[in-house]
Amino acid sequence: MTTCLHCPPDKRAFGKSVGDRLLTRRGKRRSYSIPDITEAVIEVGFPPDYACWAYALYADRADFEAHHAATGEVCDYAAMKSEMFSAMTDGASSSWFDLDMSWLEWPDIDFSGIFDCF
């Protein structure tokens, strides 16, 4: 398992902030592009070094892997998405979790206002 070295100290707050910005700027989508996610990370005030964690949560697997192939970084999409899922759900049961599931498909998770912009 290889994850990015630069990790946000509070993954839940990070994921929520980036998600809120993506929803506000790009609308509700199943996944977002790497440039859109990077822009959101920077706009909400996080270091760009944390962006990879948001890619695991909000980009699809193909875009995540293409980005890492192009940059030469080695990061494990499954491990990082699983860590972000756990952080975003406060460690809720992951028995129903599917790695290729969009964050929009997660059932009954209180994102505490993540959809307030709609």
N, C-alpha and C. Protein backbone atom coordinates (compact mmCIF):
# COMPACT_ATOMS: atom_id res chain seq x y z
N MET A 1 0.84 -1.18 0.00
CA MET A 1 0.00 0.00 0.00
C MET A 1 0.88 1.24 0.00
N THR A 2 0.70 2.09 -1.00
CA THR A 2 1.46 3.33 -1.07
C THR A 2 0.49 4.49 -1.13
N THR A 3 0.62 5.39 -0.17
CA THR A 3 -0.21 6.59 -0.17
C THR A 3 0.71 7.80 -0.24
N CYS A 4 0.13 8.92 -0.63
CA CYS A 4 0.91 10.15 -0.72
C CYS A 4 1.49 10.51 0.64
N LEU A 5 2.69 11.00 0.63
CA LEU A 5 3.36 11.34 1.88
C LEU A 5 2.70 12.52 2.58
N HIS A 6 2.24 13.48 1.82
CA HIS A 6 1.63 14.68 2.40
C HIS A 6 0.14 14.44 2.59
N CYS A 7 -0.22 14.31 3.84
CA CYS A 7 -1.58 13.91 4.19
C CYS A 7 -2.24 15.01 5.03
N PRO A 8 -3.47 15.38 4.68
CA PRO A 8 -4.15 16.38 5.52
C PRO A 8 -4.35 15.85 6.93
N PRO A 9 -4.10 16.66 7.94
CA PRO A 9 -4.24 16.18 9.32
C PRO A 9 -5.67 15.79 9.67
N ASP A 10 -6.64 16.47 9.09
CA ASP A 10 -8.05 16.15 9.32
C ASP A 10 -8.68 15.84 7.96
N LYS A 11 -8.66 14.56 7.60
CA LYS A 11 -9.14 14.15 6.27
C LYS A 11 -10.62 14.46 6.08
N ARG A 12 -11.40 14.36 7.13
CA ARG A 12 -12.84 14.64 7.01
C ARG A 12 -13.07 16.12 6.67
N ALA A 13 -12.44 17.01 7.41
CA ALA A 13 -12.60 18.45 7.14
C ALA A 13 -12.07 18.79 5.75
N PHE A 14 -10.97 18.20 5.39
CA PHE A 14 -10.39 18.41 4.06
C PHE A 14 -11.36 17.94 2.97
N GLY A 15 -11.84 16.72 3.09
CA GLY A 15 -12.76 16.17 2.09
C GLY A 15 -14.03 16.97 1.97
N LYS A 16 -14.57 17.42 3.10
CA LYS A 16 -15.79 18.22 3.09
C LYS A 16 -15.55 19.57 2.43
N SER A 17 -14.46 20.24 2.79
CA SER A 17 -14.16 21.56 2.22
C SER A 17 -13.99 21.48 0.70
N VAL A 18 -13.23 20.51 0.26
CA VAL A 18 -13.00 20.35 -1.18
C VAL A 18 -14.30 19.98 -1.87
N GLY A 19 -15.08 19.07 -1.29
CA GLY A 19 -16.36 18.68 -1.86
C GLY A 19 -17.33 19.84 -1.97
N ASP A 20 -17.40 20.66 -0.93
CA ASP A 20 -18.27 21.84 -0.97
C ASP A 20 -17.87 22.77 -2.12
N ARG A 21 -16.57 22.98 -2.28
CA ARG A 21 -16.09 23.87 -3.34
C ARG A 21 -16.39 23.28 -4.72
N LEU A 22 -16.17 21.99 -4.88
CA LEU A 22 -16.48 21.35 -6.17
C LEU A 22 -17.96 21.48 -6.51
N LEU A 23 -18.81 21.25 -5.53
CA LEU A 23 -20.25 21.38 -5.76
C LEU A 23 -20.63 22.80 -6.15
N THR A 24 -20.06 23.76 -5.46
CA THR A 24 -20.37 25.16 -5.72
C THR A 24 -19.88 25.59 -7.10
N ARG A 25 -18.66 25.21 -7.45
CA ARG A 25 -18.05 25.68 -8.70
C ARG A 25 -18.38 24.82 -9.92
N ARG A 26 -18.54 23.51 -9.73
CA ARG A 26 -18.68 22.59 -10.86
C ARG A 26 -20.02 21.86 -10.91
N GLY A 27 -20.82 22.01 -9.85
CA GLY A 27 -22.10 21.31 -9.82
C GLY A 27 -21.93 19.87 -9.34
N LYS A 28 -23.05 19.22 -9.18
CA LYS A 28 -23.08 17.84 -8.67
C LYS A 28 -22.70 16.88 -9.79
N ARG A 29 -21.58 16.21 -9.63
CA ARG A 29 -21.09 15.26 -10.63
C ARG A 29 -20.65 13.97 -9.95
N ARG A 30 -20.68 12.93 -10.72
CA ARG A 30 -20.23 11.62 -10.24
C ARG A 30 -18.74 11.66 -9.93
N SER A 31 -17.97 12.36 -10.73
CA SER A 31 -16.54 12.55 -10.47
C SER A 31 -16.13 13.87 -11.10
N TYR A 32 -14.95 14.33 -10.73
CA TYR A 32 -14.43 15.61 -11.20
C TYR A 32 -13.06 15.40 -11.82
N SER A 33 -12.65 16.33 -12.67
CA SER A 33 -11.35 16.23 -13.32
C SER A 33 -10.23 16.56 -12.33
N ILE A 34 -9.06 16.08 -12.63
CA ILE A 34 -7.89 16.37 -11.79
C ILE A 34 -7.65 17.88 -11.69
N PRO A 35 -7.68 18.64 -12.81
CA PRO A 35 -7.49 20.10 -12.67
C PRO A 35 -8.58 20.77 -11.82
N ASP A 36 -9.82 20.33 -11.94
CA ASP A 36 -10.89 20.92 -11.13
C ASP A 36 -10.67 20.63 -9.65
N ILE A 37 -10.22 19.44 -9.33
CA ILE A 37 -9.97 19.07 -7.93
C ILE A 37 -8.79 19.86 -7.38
N THR A 38 -7.73 19.95 -8.17
CA THR A 38 -6.55 20.72 -7.74
C THR A 38 -6.93 22.16 -7.45
N GLU A 39 -7.71 22.75 -8.35
CA GLU A 39 -8.16 24.13 -8.17
C GLU A 39 -8.97 24.27 -6.88
N ALA A 40 -9.86 23.34 -6.62
CA ALA A 40 -10.68 23.39 -5.41
C ALA A 40 -9.82 23.29 -4.15
N VAL A 41 -8.84 22.41 -4.16
CA VAL A 41 -7.94 22.25 -3.00
C VAL A 41 -7.25 23.58 -2.69
N ILE A 42 -6.74 24.22 -3.71
CA ILE A 42 -6.02 25.49 -3.53
C ILE A 42 -6.98 26.60 -3.10
N GLU A 43 -8.16 26.65 -3.72
CA GLU A 43 -9.13 27.71 -3.40
C GLU A 43 -9.61 27.65 -1.96
N VAL A 44 -9.69 26.47 -1.38
CA VAL A 44 -10.15 26.38 0.01
C VAL A 44 -8.99 26.50 1.00
N GLY A 45 -7.79 26.73 0.49
CA GLY A 45 -6.66 27.06 1.35
C GLY A 45 -5.78 25.92 1.81
N PHE A 46 -5.89 24.77 1.16
CA PHE A 46 -5.01 23.66 1.52
C PHE A 46 -3.80 23.64 0.60
N PRO A 47 -2.68 23.11 1.06
CA PRO A 47 -1.51 22.99 0.20
C PRO A 47 -1.78 22.04 -0.97
N PRO A 48 -1.27 22.35 -2.14
CA PRO A 48 -1.48 21.47 -3.29
C PRO A 48 -0.95 20.05 -3.06
N ASP A 49 -0.01 19.90 -2.12
CA ASP A 49 0.53 18.57 -1.81
C ASP A 49 -0.54 17.62 -1.27
N TYR A 50 -1.65 18.15 -0.77
CA TYR A 50 -2.73 17.32 -0.25
C TYR A 50 -3.70 16.87 -1.35
N ALA A 51 -3.59 17.44 -2.53
CA ALA A 51 -4.58 17.21 -3.60
C ALA A 51 -4.77 15.73 -3.92
N CYS A 52 -3.74 14.94 -3.84
CA CYS A 52 -3.84 13.52 -4.18
C CYS A 52 -4.93 12.83 -3.36
N TRP A 53 -5.10 13.23 -2.10
CA TRP A 53 -6.13 12.65 -1.26
C TRP A 53 -7.52 13.01 -1.78
N ALA A 54 -7.67 14.20 -2.30
CA ALA A 54 -8.95 14.60 -2.90
C ALA A 54 -9.17 13.88 -4.23
N TYR A 55 -8.09 13.62 -4.97
CA TYR A 55 -8.23 12.87 -6.22
C TYR A 55 -8.81 11.49 -5.93
N ALA A 56 -8.33 10.86 -4.86
CA ALA A 56 -8.81 9.52 -4.51
C ALA A 56 -10.30 9.54 -4.19
N LEU A 57 -10.77 10.65 -3.65
CA LEU A 57 -12.17 10.75 -3.25
C LEU A 57 -13.08 11.21 -4.39
N TYR A 58 -12.63 12.18 -5.18
CA TYR A 58 -13.53 12.82 -6.15
C TYR A 58 -13.22 12.56 -7.62
N ALA A 59 -12.10 11.98 -7.95
CA ALA A 59 -11.80 11.63 -9.34
C ALA A 59 -12.13 10.16 -9.56
N ASP A 60 -12.29 9.78 -10.81
CA ASP A 60 -12.49 8.35 -11.05
C ASP A 60 -11.13 7.67 -11.12
N ARG A 61 -11.15 6.36 -11.02
CA ARG A 61 -9.91 5.58 -10.96
C ARG A 61 -9.01 5.84 -12.17
N ALA A 62 -9.60 5.88 -13.37
CA ALA A 62 -8.80 6.06 -14.59
C ALA A 62 -8.06 7.40 -14.56
N ASP A 63 -8.74 8.47 -14.16
CA ASP A 63 -8.08 9.78 -14.09
C ASP A 63 -6.99 9.79 -13.01
N PHE A 64 -7.28 9.18 -11.86
CA PHE A 64 -6.31 9.09 -10.78
C PHE A 64 -5.05 8.38 -11.27
N GLU A 65 -5.23 7.24 -11.91
CA GLU A 65 -4.08 6.45 -12.36
C GLU A 65 -3.34 7.13 -13.51
N ALA A 66 -4.06 7.77 -14.43
CA ALA A 66 -3.41 8.49 -15.53
C ALA A 66 -2.57 9.65 -15.00
N HIS A 67 -3.11 10.37 -14.03
CA HIS A 67 -2.36 11.48 -13.42
C HIS A 67 -1.07 10.96 -12.79
N HIS A 68 -1.16 9.88 -12.05
CA HIS A 68 0.02 9.35 -11.38
C HIS A 68 1.03 8.76 -12.36
N ALA A 69 0.56 8.17 -13.43
CA ALA A 69 1.48 7.66 -14.45
C ALA A 69 2.23 8.82 -15.11
N ALA A 70 1.52 9.92 -15.35
CA ALA A 70 2.13 11.09 -15.99
C ALA A 70 3.14 11.78 -15.08
N THR A 71 2.88 11.79 -13.77
CA THR A 71 3.78 12.47 -12.84
C THR A 71 4.86 11.56 -12.29
N GLY A 72 4.71 10.26 -12.50
CA GLY A 72 5.70 9.31 -11.99
C GLY A 72 5.52 8.98 -10.52
N GLU A 73 4.44 9.48 -9.92
CA GLU A 73 4.16 9.16 -8.52
C GLU A 73 3.50 7.79 -8.43
N VAL A 74 3.73 7.11 -7.34
CA VAL A 74 3.12 5.81 -7.13
C VAL A 74 2.22 5.92 -5.90
N CYS A 75 0.93 5.93 -6.14
CA CYS A 75 -0.05 6.00 -5.05
C CYS A 75 -1.11 4.94 -5.29
N ASP A 76 -1.60 4.37 -4.22
CA ASP A 76 -2.58 3.29 -4.27
C ASP A 76 -3.99 3.87 -4.16
N TYR A 77 -4.70 3.91 -5.28
CA TYR A 77 -6.05 4.46 -5.33
C TYR A 77 -6.96 3.77 -4.31
N ALA A 78 -6.93 2.47 -4.26
CA ALA A 78 -7.81 1.72 -3.37
C ALA A 78 -7.54 2.06 -1.91
N ALA A 79 -6.29 2.09 -1.53
CA ALA A 79 -5.94 2.37 -0.13
C ALA A 79 -6.32 3.80 0.25
N MET A 80 -6.05 4.73 -0.65
CA MET A 80 -6.34 6.13 -0.34
C MET A 80 -7.84 6.41 -0.32
N LYS A 81 -8.58 5.83 -1.27
CA LYS A 81 -10.02 6.03 -1.28
C LYS A 81 -10.65 5.41 -0.04
N SER A 82 -10.15 4.26 0.36
CA SER A 82 -10.65 3.61 1.56
C SER A 82 -10.39 4.46 2.80
N GLU A 83 -9.20 5.04 2.90
CA GLU A 83 -8.89 5.92 4.04
C GLU A 83 -9.79 7.15 4.05
N MET A 84 -10.00 7.75 2.88
CA MET A 84 -10.86 8.93 2.80
C MET A 84 -12.30 8.55 3.12
N PHE A 85 -12.76 7.40 2.63
CA PHE A 85 -14.11 6.93 2.93
C PHE A 85 -14.28 6.79 4.44
N SER A 86 -13.33 6.16 5.08
CA SER A 86 -13.40 5.95 6.53
C SER A 86 -13.45 7.29 7.26
N ALA A 87 -12.62 8.24 6.83
CA ALA A 87 -12.60 9.56 7.47
C ALA A 87 -13.92 10.30 7.26
N MET A 88 -14.46 10.23 6.06
CA MET A 88 -15.68 10.96 5.73
C MET A 88 -16.91 10.36 6.40
N THR A 89 -16.86 9.10 6.75
CA THR A 89 -18.01 8.43 7.37
C THR A 89 -17.77 8.14 8.85
N ASP A 90 -16.75 8.74 9.42
CA ASP A 90 -16.40 8.50 10.83
C ASP A 90 -16.26 7.02 11.15
N GLY A 91 -15.68 6.28 10.21
CA GLY A 91 -15.41 4.86 10.42
C GLY A 91 -16.63 3.96 10.35
N ALA A 92 -17.70 4.42 9.68
CA ALA A 92 -18.91 3.59 9.54
C ALA A 92 -18.57 2.28 8.85
N SER A 93 -19.42 1.32 8.99
CA SER A 93 -19.21 0.01 8.37
C SER A 93 -18.95 0.16 6.88
N SER A 94 -17.98 -0.55 6.40
CA SER A 94 -17.65 -0.49 4.98
C SER A 94 -18.06 -1.76 4.25
N SER A 95 -18.93 -2.55 4.84
CA SER A 95 -19.32 -3.82 4.22
C SER A 95 -20.00 -3.62 2.87
N TRP A 96 -20.65 -2.49 2.66
CA TRP A 96 -21.33 -2.20 1.40
C TRP A 96 -20.45 -1.40 0.45
N PHE A 97 -19.28 -0.96 0.90
CA PHE A 97 -18.43 -0.07 0.13
C PHE A 97 -17.86 -0.77 -1.10
N ASP A 98 -18.00 -0.11 -2.24
CA ASP A 98 -17.46 -0.58 -3.51
C ASP A 98 -16.45 0.46 -3.96
N LEU A 99 -15.25 0.04 -4.24
CA LEU A 99 -14.16 0.95 -4.59
C LEU A 99 -14.51 1.86 -5.76
N ASP A 100 -15.26 1.37 -6.71
CA ASP A 100 -15.60 2.18 -7.87
C ASP A 100 -16.88 2.99 -7.69
N MET A 101 -17.43 2.97 -6.50
CA MET A 101 -18.63 3.72 -6.20
C MET A 101 -18.30 5.21 -6.09
N SER A 102 -19.12 6.03 -6.69
CA SER A 102 -18.97 7.48 -6.58
C SER A 102 -19.36 7.92 -5.18
N TRP A 103 -18.78 9.00 -4.72
CA TRP A 103 -19.14 9.55 -3.42
C TRP A 103 -20.62 9.90 -3.36
N LEU A 104 -21.27 10.13 -4.50
CA LEU A 104 -22.70 10.44 -4.54
C LEU A 104 -23.56 9.24 -4.19
N GLU A 105 -23.01 8.04 -4.31
CA GLU A 105 -23.76 6.82 -4.07
C GLU A 105 -23.66 6.31 -2.63
N TRP A 106 -22.88 6.97 -1.79
CA TRP A 106 -22.77 6.53 -0.42
C TRP A 106 -24.10 6.72 0.29
N PRO A 107 -24.62 5.71 0.95
CA PRO A 107 -25.93 5.83 1.59
C PRO A 107 -25.88 6.50 2.96
N ASP A 108 -26.90 7.28 3.25
CA ASP A 108 -27.17 7.81 4.59
C ASP A 108 -25.95 8.35 5.33
N ILE A 109 -25.20 9.20 4.67
CA ILE A 109 -24.04 9.80 5.31
C ILE A 109 -24.33 11.28 5.49
N ASP A 110 -24.18 11.75 6.70
CA ASP A 110 -24.43 13.16 6.99
C ASP A 110 -23.19 13.97 6.63
N PHE A 111 -23.29 14.70 5.54
CA PHE A 111 -22.18 15.55 5.13
C PHE A 111 -22.33 16.94 5.72
N SER A 112 -23.25 17.11 6.66
CA SER A 112 -23.44 18.36 7.39
C SER A 112 -23.41 19.59 6.49
N GLY A 113 -24.31 19.59 5.54
CA GLY A 113 -24.46 20.78 4.71
C GLY A 113 -23.74 20.75 3.40
N ILE A 114 -23.15 19.64 3.03
CA ILE A 114 -22.39 19.58 1.79
C ILE A 114 -23.26 19.93 0.57
N PHE A 115 -24.58 19.72 0.68
CA PHE A 115 -25.46 20.03 -0.43
C PHE A 115 -26.22 21.34 -0.21
N ASP A 116 -25.80 22.17 0.73
CA ASP A 116 -26.49 23.42 1.02
C ASP A 116 -26.54 24.37 -0.16
N CYS A 117 -25.63 24.23 -1.09
CA CYS A 117 -25.59 25.15 -2.22
C CYS A 117 -26.69 24.88 -3.23
N PHE A 118 -27.45 23.79 -3.08
CA PHE A 118 -28.52 23.46 -4.03
C PHE A 118 -29.86 23.92 -3.50
